[in-house]
Amino acid sequence: ELGCNRILTSGQQSTAVEGIPLLTSLVKQADGRIIIIPGCGVTASNAAHILQATGATEIHASASTMVPSLMKFSRSDVYMGAKGADEDHRKVTDAQAVADILKAINSIA
């Protein structure tokens, strides 16, 4: 009724692997009415396991790596995020990580 088609969740745990029990329950409860997308800590080494264990049909992964920031100037008294956060690097999607995840999940299809 709200117009949502998908719910991204780690199953109320720190990672989707740890949330597999709740994710499995949510996928069964959703029964195709809404898509449950496991996410958080998804890698090529666990993506297929998460999908198989939960019955989910989609998965979310940042598949990111840290690269040096392009920022040229910064002030020590003004933060671009949380105080003490690493402002000298930024996350970007890693094409190889995406390819590795796709290879892993396509191996179960």
PDB file of N, CA and C in Angstrom:
ATOM      1  N   GLU A   1       0.813  -1.194   0.000  1.00  0.00           N
ATOM      2  CA  GLU A   1       0.000   0.000   0.000  1.00  0.00           C
ATOM      3  C   GLU A   1       0.857   1.258   0.000  1.00  0.00           C
ATOM      4  N   LEU A   2       2.084   1.159   0.504  1.00  0.00           N
ATOM      5  CA  LEU A   2       2.973   2.315   0.548  1.00  0.00           C
ATOM      6  C   LEU A   2       3.753   2.495  -0.750  1.00  0.00           C
ATOM      7  N   GLY A   3       3.677   1.533  -1.638  1.00  0.00           N
ATOM      8  CA  GLY A   3       4.394   1.628  -2.894  1.00  0.00           C
ATOM      9  C   GLY A   3       5.790   1.036  -2.857  1.00  0.00           C
ATOM     10  N   CYS A   4       6.126   0.374  -1.771  1.00  0.00           N
ATOM     11  CA  CYS A   4       7.442  -0.268  -1.662  1.00  0.00           C
ATOM     12  C   CYS A   4       7.400  -1.629  -2.329  1.00  0.00           C
ATOM     13  N   ASN A   5       8.421  -1.934  -3.098  1.00  0.00           N
ATOM     14  CA  ASN A   5       8.515  -3.230  -3.760  1.00  0.00           C
ATOM     15  C   ASN A   5       9.576  -4.126  -3.155  1.00  0.00           C
ATOM     16  N   ARG A   6      10.504  -3.510  -2.404  1.00  0.00           N
ATOM     17  CA  ARG A   6      11.637  -4.238  -1.854  1.00  0.00           C
ATOM     18  C   ARG A   6      11.971  -3.713  -0.465  1.00  0.00           C
ATOM     19  N   ILE A   7      12.524  -4.620   0.350  1.00  0.00           N
ATOM     20  CA  ILE A   7      13.041  -4.241   1.660  1.00  0.00           C
ATOM     21  C   ILE A   7      14.479  -4.726   1.740  1.00  0.00           C
ATOM     22  N   LEU A   8      15.403  -3.789   1.956  1.00  0.00           N
ATOM     23  CA  LEU A   8      16.817  -4.110   2.126  1.00  0.00           C
ATOM     24  C   LEU A   8      17.067  -4.274   3.620  1.00  0.00           C
ATOM     25  N   THR A   9      17.574  -5.432   4.021  1.00  0.00           N
ATOM     26  CA  THR A   9      17.791  -5.695   5.444  1.00  0.00           C
ATOM     27  C   THR A   9      18.916  -6.698   5.659  1.00  0.00           C
ATOM     28  N   SER A  10      19.545  -6.577   6.801  1.00  0.00           N
ATOM     29  CA  SER A  10      20.561  -7.559   7.199  1.00  0.00           C
ATOM     30  C   SER A  10      19.954  -8.582   8.152  1.00  0.00           C
ATOM     31  N   GLY A  11      18.642  -8.542   8.305  1.00  0.00           N
ATOM     32  CA  GLY A  11      17.998  -9.464   9.240  1.00  0.00           C
ATOM     33  C   GLY A  11      18.248  -9.045  10.683  1.00  0.00           C
ATOM     34  N   GLN A  12      18.360  -7.748  10.910  1.00  0.00           N
ATOM     35  CA  GLN A  12      18.588  -7.159  12.231  1.00  0.00           C
ATOM     36  C   GLN A  12      19.881  -7.634  12.884  1.00  0.00           C
ATOM     37  N   GLN A  13      20.873  -7.941  12.054  1.00  0.00           N
ATOM     38  CA  GLN A  13      22.178  -8.363  12.545  1.00  0.00           C
ATOM     39  C   GLN A  13      23.258  -7.499  11.898  1.00  0.00           C
ATOM     40  N   SER A  14      24.482  -7.655  12.346  1.00  0.00           N
ATOM     41  CA  SER A  14      25.587  -6.866  11.800  1.00  0.00           C
ATOM     42  C   SER A  14      25.891  -7.201  10.353  1.00  0.00           C
ATOM     43  N   THR A  15      25.630  -8.436   9.955  1.00  0.00           N
ATOM     44  CA  THR A  15      25.840  -8.864   8.576  1.00  0.00           C
ATOM     45  C   THR A  15      24.677  -9.736   8.127  1.00  0.00           C
ATOM     46  N   ALA A  16      24.508  -9.843   6.824  1.00  0.00           N
ATOM     47  CA  ALA A  16      23.453 -10.688   6.282  1.00  0.00           C
ATOM     48  C   ALA A  16      23.678 -12.155   6.642  1.00  0.00           C
ATOM     49  N   VAL A  17      24.923 -12.587   6.715  1.00  0.00           N
ATOM     50  CA  VAL A  17      25.197 -13.981   7.094  1.00  0.00           C
ATOM     51  C   VAL A  17      24.669 -14.254   8.499  1.00  0.00           C
ATOM     52  N   GLU A  18      24.940 -13.337   9.422  1.00  0.00           N
ATOM     53  CA  GLU A  18      24.446 -13.505  10.786  1.00  0.00           C
ATOM     54  C   GLU A  18      22.926 -13.405  10.836  1.00  0.00           C
ATOM     55  N   GLY A  19      22.324 -12.694   9.892  1.00  0.00           N
ATOM     56  CA  GLY A  19      20.876 -12.509   9.873  1.00  0.00           C
ATOM     57  C   GLY A  19      20.110 -13.562   9.100  1.00  0.00           C
ATOM     58  N   ILE A  20      20.787 -14.604   8.622  1.00  0.00           N
ATOM     59  CA  ILE A  20      20.130 -15.629   7.803  1.00  0.00           C
ATOM     60  C   ILE A  20      18.849 -16.179   8.444  1.00  0.00           C
ATOM     61  N   PRO A  21      18.806 -16.489   9.734  1.00  0.00           N
ATOM     62  CA  PRO A  21      17.551 -17.026  10.278  1.00  0.00           C
ATOM     63  C   PRO A  21      16.349 -16.089  10.080  1.00  0.00           C
ATOM     64  N   LEU A  22      16.503 -14.812  10.401  1.00  0.00           N
ATOM     65  CA  LEU A  22      15.388 -13.877  10.224  1.00  0.00           C
ATOM     66  C   LEU A  22      15.130 -13.601   8.749  1.00  0.00           C
ATOM     67  N   LEU A  23      16.177 -13.480   7.957  1.00  0.00           N
ATOM     68  CA  LEU A  23      15.998 -13.261   6.528  1.00  0.00           C
ATOM     69  C   LEU A  23      15.190 -14.390   5.899  1.00  0.00           C
ATOM     70  N   THR A  24      15.485 -15.614   6.274  1.00  0.00           N
ATOM     71  CA  THR A  24      14.753 -16.773   5.759  1.00  0.00           C
ATOM     72  C   THR A  24      13.279 -16.667   6.122  1.00  0.00           C
ATOM     73  N   SER A  25      13.019 -16.313   7.361  1.00  0.00           N
ATOM     74  CA  SER A  25      11.640 -16.142   7.822  1.00  0.00           C
ATOM     75  C   SER A  25      10.932 -15.022   7.067  1.00  0.00           C
ATOM     76  N   LEU A  26      11.618 -13.924   6.846  1.00  0.00           N
ATOM     77  CA  LEU A  26      11.016 -12.794   6.141  1.00  0.00           C
ATOM     78  C   LEU A  26      10.696 -13.139   4.684  1.00  0.00           C
ATOM     79  N   VAL A  27      11.604 -13.857   4.028  1.00  0.00           N
ATOM     80  CA  VAL A  27      11.362 -14.263   2.640  1.00  0.00           C
ATOM     81  C   VAL A  27      10.119 -15.143   2.572  1.00  0.00           C
ATOM     82  N   LYS A  28      10.000 -16.086   3.513  1.00  0.00           N
ATOM     83  CA  LYS A  28       8.821 -16.969   3.532  1.00  0.00           C
ATOM     84  C   LYS A  28       7.558 -16.179   3.821  1.00  0.00           C
ATOM     85  N   GLN A  29       7.622 -15.271   4.789  1.00  0.00           N
ATOM     86  CA  GLN A  29       6.465 -14.471   5.154  1.00  0.00           C
ATOM     87  C   GLN A  29       6.044 -13.538   4.006  1.00  0.00           C
ATOM     88  N   ALA A  30       7.005 -12.988   3.299  1.00  0.00           N
ATOM     89  CA  ALA A  30       6.706 -12.083   2.182  1.00  0.00           C
ATOM     90  C   ALA A  30       5.985 -12.821   1.060  1.00  0.00           C
ATOM     91  N   ASP A  31       6.344 -14.082   0.865  1.00  0.00           N
ATOM     92  CA  ASP A  31       5.670 -14.959  -0.100  1.00  0.00           C
ATOM     93  C   ASP A  31       5.476 -14.302  -1.470  1.00  0.00           C
ATOM     94  N   GLY A  32       6.498 -13.575  -1.919  1.00  0.00           N
ATOM     95  CA  GLY A  32       6.442 -12.961  -3.237  1.00  0.00           C
ATOM     96  C   GLY A  32       5.697 -11.641  -3.303  1.00  0.00           C
ATOM     97  N   ARG A  33       5.044 -11.228  -2.218  1.00  0.00           N
ATOM     98  CA  ARG A  33       4.308  -9.957  -2.227  1.00  0.00           C
ATOM     99  C   ARG A  33       5.247  -8.757  -2.204  1.00  0.00           C
ATOM    100  N   ILE A  34       6.395  -8.942  -1.589  1.00  0.00           N
ATOM    101  CA  ILE A  34       7.426  -7.916  -1.531  1.00  0.00           C
ATOM    102  C   ILE A  34       8.763  -8.649  -1.547  1.00  0.00           C
ATOM    103  N   ILE A  35       9.772  -8.044  -2.130  1.00  0.00           N
ATOM    104  CA  ILE A  35      11.076  -8.701  -2.256  1.00  0.00           C
ATOM    105  C   ILE A  35      11.941  -8.337  -1.053  1.00  0.00           C
ATOM    106  N   ILE A  36      12.465  -9.346  -0.391  1.00  0.00           N
ATOM    107  CA  ILE A  36      13.403  -9.159   0.714  1.00  0.00           C
ATOM    108  C   ILE A  36      14.806  -9.245   0.130  1.00  0.00           C
ATOM    109  N   ILE A  37      15.600  -8.190   0.332  1.00  0.00           N
ATOM    110  CA  ILE A  37      16.962  -8.154  -0.214  1.00  0.00           C
ATOM    111  C   ILE A  37      17.963  -8.219   0.931  1.00  0.00           C
ATOM    112  N   PRO A  38      18.631  -9.354   1.098  1.00  0.00           N
ATOM    113  CA  PRO A  38      19.693  -9.426   2.101  1.00  0.00           C
ATOM    114  C   PRO A  38      20.853  -8.521   1.715  1.00  0.00           C
ATOM    115  N   GLY A  39      21.376  -7.806   2.691  1.00  0.00           N
ATOM    116  CA  GLY A  39      22.513  -6.939   2.438  1.00  0.00           C
ATOM    117  C   GLY A  39      23.288  -6.679   3.706  1.00  0.00           C
ATOM    118  N   CYS A  40      24.521  -6.309   3.580  1.00  0.00           N
ATOM    119  CA  CYS A  40      25.472  -5.956   4.632  1.00  0.00           C
ATOM    120  C   CYS A  40      26.510  -7.064   4.768  1.00  0.00           C
ATOM    121  N   GLY A  41      27.701  -6.755   4.334  1.00  0.00           N
ATOM    122  CA  GLY A  41      28.789  -7.723   4.417  1.00  0.00           C
ATOM    123  C   GLY A  41      28.738  -8.790   3.343  1.00  0.00           C
ATOM    124  N   VAL A  42      28.005  -8.534   2.268  1.00  0.00           N
ATOM    125  CA  VAL A  42      27.889  -9.512   1.181  1.00  0.00           C
ATOM    126  C   VAL A  42      29.146  -9.460   0.325  1.00  0.00           C
ATOM    127  N   THR A  43      29.748 -10.618   0.116  1.00  0.00           N
ATOM    128  CA  THR A  43      30.968 -10.746  -0.685  1.00  0.00           C
ATOM    129  C   THR A  43      30.832 -11.938  -1.626  1.00  0.00           C
ATOM    130  N   ALA A  44      31.805 -12.096  -2.492  1.00  0.00           N
ATOM    131  CA  ALA A  44      31.800 -13.247  -3.397  1.00  0.00           C
ATOM    132  C   ALA A  44      31.853 -14.555  -2.627  1.00  0.00           C
ATOM    133  N   SER A  45      32.464 -14.542  -1.461  1.00  0.00           N
ATOM    134  CA  SER A  45      32.600 -15.791  -0.706  1.00  0.00           C
ATOM    135  C   SER A  45      31.335 -16.179   0.062  1.00  0.00           C
ATOM    136  N   ASN A  46      30.371 -15.260   0.209  1.00  0.00           N
ATOM    137  CA  ASN A  46      29.167 -15.638   0.962  1.00  0.00           C
ATOM    138  C   ASN A  46      27.858 -15.357   0.223  1.00  0.00           C
ATOM    139  N   ALA A  47      27.896 -14.702  -0.923  1.00  0.00           N
ATOM    140  CA  ALA A  47      26.672 -14.322  -1.632  1.00  0.00           C
ATOM    141  C   ALA A  47      25.809 -15.532  -1.994  1.00  0.00           C
ATOM    142  N   ALA A  48      26.400 -16.551  -2.579  1.00  0.00           N
ATOM    143  CA  ALA A  48      25.636 -17.736  -2.974  1.00  0.00           C
ATOM    144  C   ALA A  48      25.030 -18.413  -1.747  1.00  0.00           C
ATOM    145  N   HIS A  49      25.791 -18.512  -0.681  1.00  0.00           N
ATOM    146  CA  HIS A  49      25.292 -19.120   0.562  1.00  0.00           C
ATOM    147  C   HIS A  49      24.086 -18.358   1.096  1.00  0.00           C
ATOM    148  N   ILE A  50      24.170 -17.029   1.112  1.00  0.00           N
ATOM    149  CA  ILE A  50      23.062 -16.211   1.617  1.00  0.00           C
ATOM    150  C   ILE A  50      21.809 -16.449   0.775  1.00  0.00           C
ATOM    151  N   LEU A  51      21.954 -16.429  -0.533  1.00  0.00           N
ATOM    152  CA  LEU A  51      20.803 -16.644  -1.407  1.00  0.00           C
ATOM    153  C   LEU A  51      20.207 -18.037  -1.224  1.00  0.00           C
ATOM    154  N   GLN A  52      21.058 -19.045  -1.184  1.00  0.00           N
ATOM    155  CA  GLN A  52      20.565 -20.413  -1.023  1.00  0.00           C
ATOM    156  C   GLN A  52      19.910 -20.622   0.334  1.00  0.00           C
ATOM    157  N   ALA A  53      20.516 -20.106   1.382  1.00  0.00           N
ATOM    158  CA  ALA A  53      20.011 -20.327   2.732  1.00  0.00           C
ATOM    159  C   ALA A  53      18.700 -19.592   2.994  1.00  0.00           C
ATOM    160  N   THR A  54      18.536 -18.410   2.400  1.00  0.00           N
ATOM    161  CA  THR A  54      17.358 -17.601   2.698  1.00  0.00           C
ATOM    162  C   THR A  54      16.215 -17.791   1.712  1.00  0.00           C
ATOM    163  N   GLY A  55      16.534 -18.231   0.507  1.00  0.00           N
ATOM    164  CA  GLY A  55      15.518 -18.313  -0.533  1.00  0.00           C
ATOM    165  C   GLY A  55      15.298 -16.971  -1.220  1.00  0.00           C
ATOM    166  N   ALA A  56      16.109 -15.979  -0.890  1.00  0.00           N
ATOM    167  CA  ALA A  56      15.994 -14.663  -1.526  1.00  0.00           C
ATOM    168  C   ALA A  56      16.371 -14.769  -2.997  1.00  0.00           C
ATOM    169  N   THR A  57      15.807 -13.873  -3.797  1.00  0.00           N
ATOM    170  CA  THR A  57      16.092 -13.873  -5.235  1.00  0.00           C
ATOM    171  C   THR A  57      16.954 -12.693  -5.659  1.00  0.00           C
ATOM    172  N   GLU A  58      17.178 -11.764  -4.740  1.00  0.00           N
ATOM    173  CA  GLU A  58      18.032 -10.611  -5.005  1.00  0.00           C
ATOM    174  C   GLU A  58      18.957 -10.427  -3.815  1.00  0.00           C
ATOM    175  N   ILE A  59      20.053  -9.716  -4.054  1.00  0.00           N
ATOM    176  CA  ILE A  59      21.023  -9.482  -2.981  1.00  0.00           C
ATOM    177  C   ILE A  59      21.633  -8.089  -3.182  1.00  0.00           C
ATOM    178  N   HIS A  60      22.098  -7.493  -2.096  1.00  0.00           N
ATOM    179  CA  HIS A  60      22.719  -6.165  -2.179  1.00  0.00           C
ATOM    180  C   HIS A  60      24.137  -6.240  -1.631  1.00  0.00           C
ATOM    181  N   ALA A  61      25.065  -5.654  -2.370  1.00  0.00           N
ATOM    182  CA  ALA A  61      26.452  -5.591  -1.916  1.00  0.00           C
ATOM    183  C   ALA A  61      27.038  -4.244  -2.326  1.00  0.00           C
ATOM    184  N   SER A  62      27.794  -3.650  -1.447  1.00  0.00           N
ATOM    185  CA  SER A  62      28.457  -2.398  -1.828  1.00  0.00           C
ATOM    186  C   SER A  62      29.600  -2.692  -2.783  1.00  0.00           C
ATOM    187  N   ALA A  63      30.217  -3.856  -2.655  1.00  0.00           N
ATOM    188  CA  ALA A  63      31.320  -4.261  -3.542  1.00  0.00           C
ATOM    189  C   ALA A  63      32.294  -3.105  -3.720  1.00  0.00           C
ATOM    190  N   SER A  64      32.658  -2.497  -2.614  1.00  0.00           N
ATOM    191  CA  SER A  64      33.465  -1.281  -2.699  1.00  0.00           C
ATOM    192  C   SER A  64      34.880  -1.481  -2.182  1.00  0.00           C
ATOM    193  N   THR A  65      35.695  -0.536  -2.557  1.00  0.00           N
ATOM    194  CA  THR A  65      37.057  -0.480  -2.082  1.00  0.00           C
ATOM    195  C   THR A  65      37.376   0.976  -1.748  1.00  0.00           C
ATOM    196  N   MET A  66      38.367   1.185  -0.912  1.00  0.00           N
ATOM    197  CA  MET A  66      38.767   2.538  -0.535  1.00  0.00           C
ATOM    198  C   MET A  66      39.848   3.037  -1.493  1.00  0.00           C
ATOM    199  N   VAL A  67      39.688   4.265  -1.935  1.00  0.00           N
ATOM    200  CA  VAL A  67      40.685   4.905  -2.789  1.00  0.00           C
ATOM    201  C   VAL A  67      41.008   6.276  -2.202  1.00  0.00           C
ATOM    202  N   PRO A  68      42.151   6.811  -2.543  1.00  0.00           N
ATOM    203  CA  PRO A  68      42.483   8.150  -2.023  1.00  0.00           C
ATOM    204  C   PRO A  68      41.451   9.187  -2.453  1.00  0.00           C
ATOM    205  N   SER A  69      41.150  10.081  -1.559  1.00  0.00           N
ATOM    206  CA  SER A  69      40.219  11.172  -1.853  1.00  0.00           C
ATOM    207  C   SER A  69      40.840  12.124  -2.859  1.00  0.00           C
ATOM    208  N   LEU A  70      40.001  12.788  -3.631  1.00  0.00           N
ATOM    209  CA  LEU A  70      40.462  13.790  -4.579  1.00  0.00           C
ATOM    210  C   LEU A  70      40.451  15.186  -3.959  1.00  0.00           C
ATOM    211  N   MET A  71      40.092  15.241  -2.675  1.00  0.00           N
ATOM    212  CA  MET A  71      39.997  16.520  -1.991  1.00  0.00           C
ATOM    213  C   MET A  71      41.376  17.180  -1.943  1.00  0.00           C
ATOM    214  N   LYS A  72      41.421  18.452  -2.289  1.00  0.00           N
ATOM    215  CA  LYS A  72      42.683  19.190  -2.329  1.00  0.00           C
ATOM    216  C   LYS A  72      42.948  19.986  -1.057  1.00  0.00           C
ATOM    217  N   PHE A  73      41.896  20.365  -0.354  1.00  0.00           N
ATOM    218  CA  PHE A  73      42.044  21.210   0.821  1.00  0.00           C
ATOM    219  C   PHE A  73      41.115  20.720   1.915  1.00  0.00           C
ATOM    220  N   SER A  74      41.576  20.711   3.124  1.00  0.00           N
ATOM    221  CA  SER A  74      40.696  20.390   4.247  1.00  0.00           C
ATOM    222  C   SER A  74      41.098  21.241   5.441  1.00  0.00           C
ATOM    223  N   ARG A  75      40.117  21.476   6.277  1.00  0.00           N
ATOM    224  CA  ARG A  75      40.360  22.229   7.503  1.00  0.00           C
ATOM    225  C   ARG A  75      40.211  21.269   8.667  1.00  0.00           C
ATOM    226  N   SER A  76      41.127  21.299   9.576  1.00  0.00           N
ATOM    227  CA  SER A  76      41.102  20.374  10.711  1.00  0.00           C
ATOM    228  C   SER A  76      39.937  20.640  11.660  1.00  0.00           C
ATOM    229  N   ASP A  77      39.325  21.820  11.566  1.00  0.00           N
ATOM    230  CA  ASP A  77      38.215  22.150  12.463  1.00  0.00           C
ATOM    231  C   ASP A  77      36.833  22.007  11.795  1.00  0.00           C
ATOM    232  N   VAL A  78      36.800  21.586  10.523  1.00  0.00           N
ATOM    233  CA  VAL A  78      35.541  21.387   9.795  1.00  0.00           C
ATOM    234  C   VAL A  78      35.544  19.965   9.243  1.00  0.00           C
ATOM    235  N   TYR A  79      34.516  19.197   9.599  1.00  0.00           N
ATOM    236  CA  TYR A  79      34.460  17.789   9.212  1.00  0.00           C
ATOM    237  C   TYR A  79      33.492  17.568   8.056  1.00  0.00           C
ATOM    238  N   MET A  80      33.855  16.679   7.174  1.00  0.00           N
ATOM    239  CA  MET A  80      33.002  16.318   6.042  1.00  0.00           C
ATOM    240  C   MET A  80      32.096  15.141   6.395  1.00  0.00           C
ATOM    241  N   GLY A  81      32.139  14.708   7.590  1.00  0.00           N
ATOM    242  CA  GLY A  81      31.338  13.584   8.066  1.00  0.00           C
ATOM    243  C   GLY A  81      31.478  13.526   9.563  1.00  0.00           C
ATOM    244  N   ALA A  82      31.576  12.353  10.090  1.00  0.00           N
ATOM    245  CA  ALA A  82      31.733  12.192  11.535  1.00  0.00           C
ATOM    246  C   ALA A  82      33.124  12.645  11.967  1.00  0.00           C
ATOM    247  N   LYS A  83      33.180  13.259  13.120  1.00  0.00           N
ATOM    248  CA  LYS A  83      34.455  13.695  13.656  1.00  0.00           C
ATOM    249  C   LYS A  83      35.389  12.488  13.773  1.00  0.00           C
ATOM    250  N   GLY A  84      36.582  12.617  13.255  1.00  0.00           N
ATOM    251  CA  GLY A  84      37.548  11.527  13.314  1.00  0.00           C
ATOM    252  C   GLY A  84      37.455  10.546  12.148  1.00  0.00           C
ATOM    253  N   ALA A  85      36.471  10.739  11.258  1.00  0.00           N
ATOM    254  CA  ALA A  85      36.341   9.844  10.109  1.00  0.00           C
ATOM    255  C   ALA A  85      37.489  10.075   9.135  1.00  0.00           C
ATOM    256  N   ASP A  86      37.820   9.059   8.375  1.00  0.00           N
ATOM    257  CA  ASP A  86      38.891   9.146   7.386  1.00  0.00           C
ATOM    258  C   ASP A  86      38.436  10.019   6.222  1.00  0.00           C
ATOM    259  N   GLU A  87      38.950  11.214   6.136  1.00  0.00           N
ATOM    260  CA  GLU A  87      38.591  12.118   5.050  1.00  0.00           C
ATOM    261  C   GLU A  87      39.595  12.063   3.899  1.00  0.00           C
ATOM    262  N   ASP A  88      40.609  11.254   4.038  1.00  0.00           N
ATOM    263  CA  ASP A  88      41.633  11.143   3.002  1.00  0.00           C
ATOM    264  C   ASP A  88      41.331  10.028   2.008  1.00  0.00           C
ATOM    265  N   HIS A  89      40.243   9.290   2.253  1.00  0.00           N
ATOM    266  CA  HIS A  89      39.852   8.192   1.363  1.00  0.00           C
ATOM    267  C   HIS A  89      38.349   8.228   1.134  1.00  0.00           C
ATOM    268  N   ARG A  90      37.924   7.544   0.066  1.00  0.00           N
ATOM    269  CA  ARG A  90      36.504   7.433  -0.227  1.00  0.00           C
ATOM    270  C   ARG A  90      36.232   6.043  -0.790  1.00  0.00           C
ATOM    271  N   LYS A  91      34.988   5.602  -0.664  1.00  0.00           N
ATOM    272  CA  LYS A  91      34.610   4.294  -1.187  1.00  0.00           C
ATOM    273  C   LYS A  91      34.143   4.426  -2.629  1.00  0.00           C
ATOM    274  N   VAL A  92      34.555   3.476  -3.452  1.00  0.00           N
ATOM    275  CA  VAL A  92      34.079   3.386  -4.830  1.00  0.00           C
ATOM    276  C   VAL A  92      33.750   1.922  -5.125  1.00  0.00           C
ATOM    277  N   THR A  93      32.847   1.730  -6.064  1.00  0.00           N
ATOM    278  CA  THR A  93      32.495   0.371  -6.459  1.00  0.00           C
ATOM    279  C   THR A  93      33.685  -0.267  -7.165  1.00  0.00           C
ATOM    280  N   ASP A  94      33.978  -1.495  -6.775  1.00  0.00           N
ATOM    281  CA  ASP A  94      35.096  -2.248  -7.331  1.00  0.00           C
ATOM    282  C   ASP A  94      34.534  -3.219  -8.383  1.00  0.00           C
ATOM    283  N   ALA A  95      34.837  -2.957  -9.645  1.00  0.00           N
ATOM    284  CA  ALA A  95      34.300  -3.768 -10.740  1.00  0.00           C
ATOM    285  C   ALA A  95      34.650  -5.245 -10.582  1.00  0.00           C
ATOM    286  N   GLN A  96      35.846  -5.545 -10.108  1.00  0.00           N
ATOM    287  CA  GLN A  96      36.235  -6.944  -9.933  1.00  0.00           C
ATOM    288  C   GLN A  96      35.423  -7.602  -8.833  1.00  0.00           C
ATOM    289  N   ALA A  97      35.135  -6.877  -7.760  1.00  0.00           N
ATOM    290  CA  ALA A  97      34.310  -7.420  -6.682  1.00  0.00           C
ATOM    291  C   ALA A  97      32.910  -7.728  -7.194  1.00  0.00           C
ATOM    292  N   VAL A  98      32.359  -6.851  -8.023  1.00  0.00           N
ATOM    293  CA  VAL A  98      31.040  -7.094  -8.613  1.00  0.00           C
ATOM    294  C   VAL A  98      31.088  -8.336  -9.498  1.00  0.00           C
ATOM    295  N   ALA A  99      32.103  -8.439 -10.334  1.00  0.00           N
ATOM    296  CA  ALA A  99      32.255  -9.603 -11.218  1.00  0.00           C
ATOM    297  C   ALA A  99      32.384 -10.890 -10.416  1.00  0.00           C
ATOM    298  N   ASP A 100      33.136 -10.849  -9.332  1.00  0.00           N
ATOM    299  CA  ASP A 100      33.325 -12.034  -8.493  1.00  0.00           C
ATOM    300  C   ASP A 100      32.012 -12.455  -7.829  1.00  0.00           C
ATOM    301  N   ILE A 101      31.217 -11.485  -7.377  1.00  0.00           N
ATOM    302  CA  ILE A 101      29.917 -11.804  -6.772  1.00  0.00           C
ATOM    303  C   ILE A 101      28.988 -12.405  -7.818  1.00  0.00           C
ATOM    304  N   LEU A 102      28.949 -11.807  -9.005  1.00  0.00           N
ATOM    305  CA  LEU A 102      28.110 -12.348 -10.079  1.00  0.00           C
ATOM    306  C   LEU A 102      28.523 -13.773 -10.438  1.00  0.00           C
ATOM    307  N   LYS A 103      29.810 -14.011 -10.518  1.00  0.00           N
ATOM    308  CA  LYS A 103      30.303 -15.355 -10.827  1.00  0.00           C
ATOM    309  C   LYS A 103      29.856 -16.343  -9.742  1.00  0.00           C
ATOM    310  N   ALA A 104      29.948 -15.934  -8.509  1.00  0.00           N
ATOM    311  CA  ALA A 104      29.561 -16.809  -7.392  1.00  0.00           C
ATOM    312  C   ALA A 104      28.074 -17.125  -7.421  1.00  0.00           C
ATOM    313  N   ILE A 105      27.236 -16.114  -7.643  1.00  0.00           N
ATOM    314  CA  ILE A 105      25.792 -16.395  -7.610  1.00  0.00           C
ATOM    315  C   ILE A 105      25.316 -17.077  -8.898  1.00  0.00           C
ATOM    316  N   ASN A 106      25.981 -16.813 -10.007  1.00  0.00           N
ATOM    317  CA  ASN A 106      25.614 -17.511 -11.245  1.00  0.00           C
ATOM    318  C   ASN A 106      25.993 -18.984 -11.199  1.00  0.00           C
ATOM    319  N   SER A 107      26.921 -19.349 -10.327  1.00  0.00           N
ATOM    320  CA  SER A 107      27.318 -20.755 -10.205  1.00  0.00           C
ATOM    321  C   SER A 107      26.229 -21.598  -9.560  1.00  0.00           C
ATOM    322  N   ILE A 108      25.256 -20.947  -8.897  1.00  0.00           N
ATOM    323  CA  ILE A 108      24.166 -21.714  -8.277  1.00  0.00           C
ATOM    324  C   ILE A 108      22.923 -21.736  -9.129  1.00  0.00           C
ATOM    325  N   ALA A 109      22.917 -20.954 -10.215  1.00  0.00           N
ATOM    326  CA  ALA A 109      21.713 -20.864 -11.058  1.00  0.00           C
ATOM    327  C   ALA A 109      21.523 -22.102 -11.897  1.00  0.00           C
TER     328      ALA A 109
END
